[in-house]
Amino acid sequence: MRTIEELKVIDKLMAGHYILMFFEISVLPKIRDIHEIIKKQAKIKEYKQSGYLTVRDRKDGLVLLVMIMGKCPSYKAKKYLYLSLERGERLFHHPGHLSSWQSRDEKNKKQGGAIIAGDYIVSFAGICEMLDEAIVLALSELCRWLDSDKAKEIAEISSNYLYNYLK
């Protein structure tokens, strides 16, 4: 038998699941437009619009949900899954941080893409770290795990200009 707390978490995640499906249908197409901006600035050659989403419990770091979004090439799937998990785990171990951007370390391949969203740590990996973070910010707002003021505060940490394109 499940505890009341477990049922509350399941209820939140189920509500979030329907929003995730809506998010994938309505927001992922916008990634094409954003990708053009990134492509021009960062000279990214490969078109990408997939990756792994991870949702963790903020209190104990327990992974509650891992989900592939889009059609992830099999040769990239393992890497994206690892990065999504690593970003959330790293943020969990930095309790004063709101974003994995705050513990970013390019030399050791530690990137942004995870945020604190209410009771959760939400991370994504698969596109580029700036857009990965923008995706979890927009998603967390849609799921009402994060209000727009807090999302803006987190976006300012990384100077994430792509977040506004997903709103």
Foldseek 3Di string as FASTA:
>chain_A
DDDPVVVVVVVLVVLLVVLVVVCLVPQLVLVVVVVVVCCVVVVDDDDWRKAWKWKAFLPPRHTDDIDIRDDDPPVCHVVRSVLQSVQSVVCSVVVVDFWQCVVDDVVVPRATAWGQQARIIMGIGIGDRLVSNLSVLLSSCSSVSHPPVVSVVNCVVVVRPCNVSRD
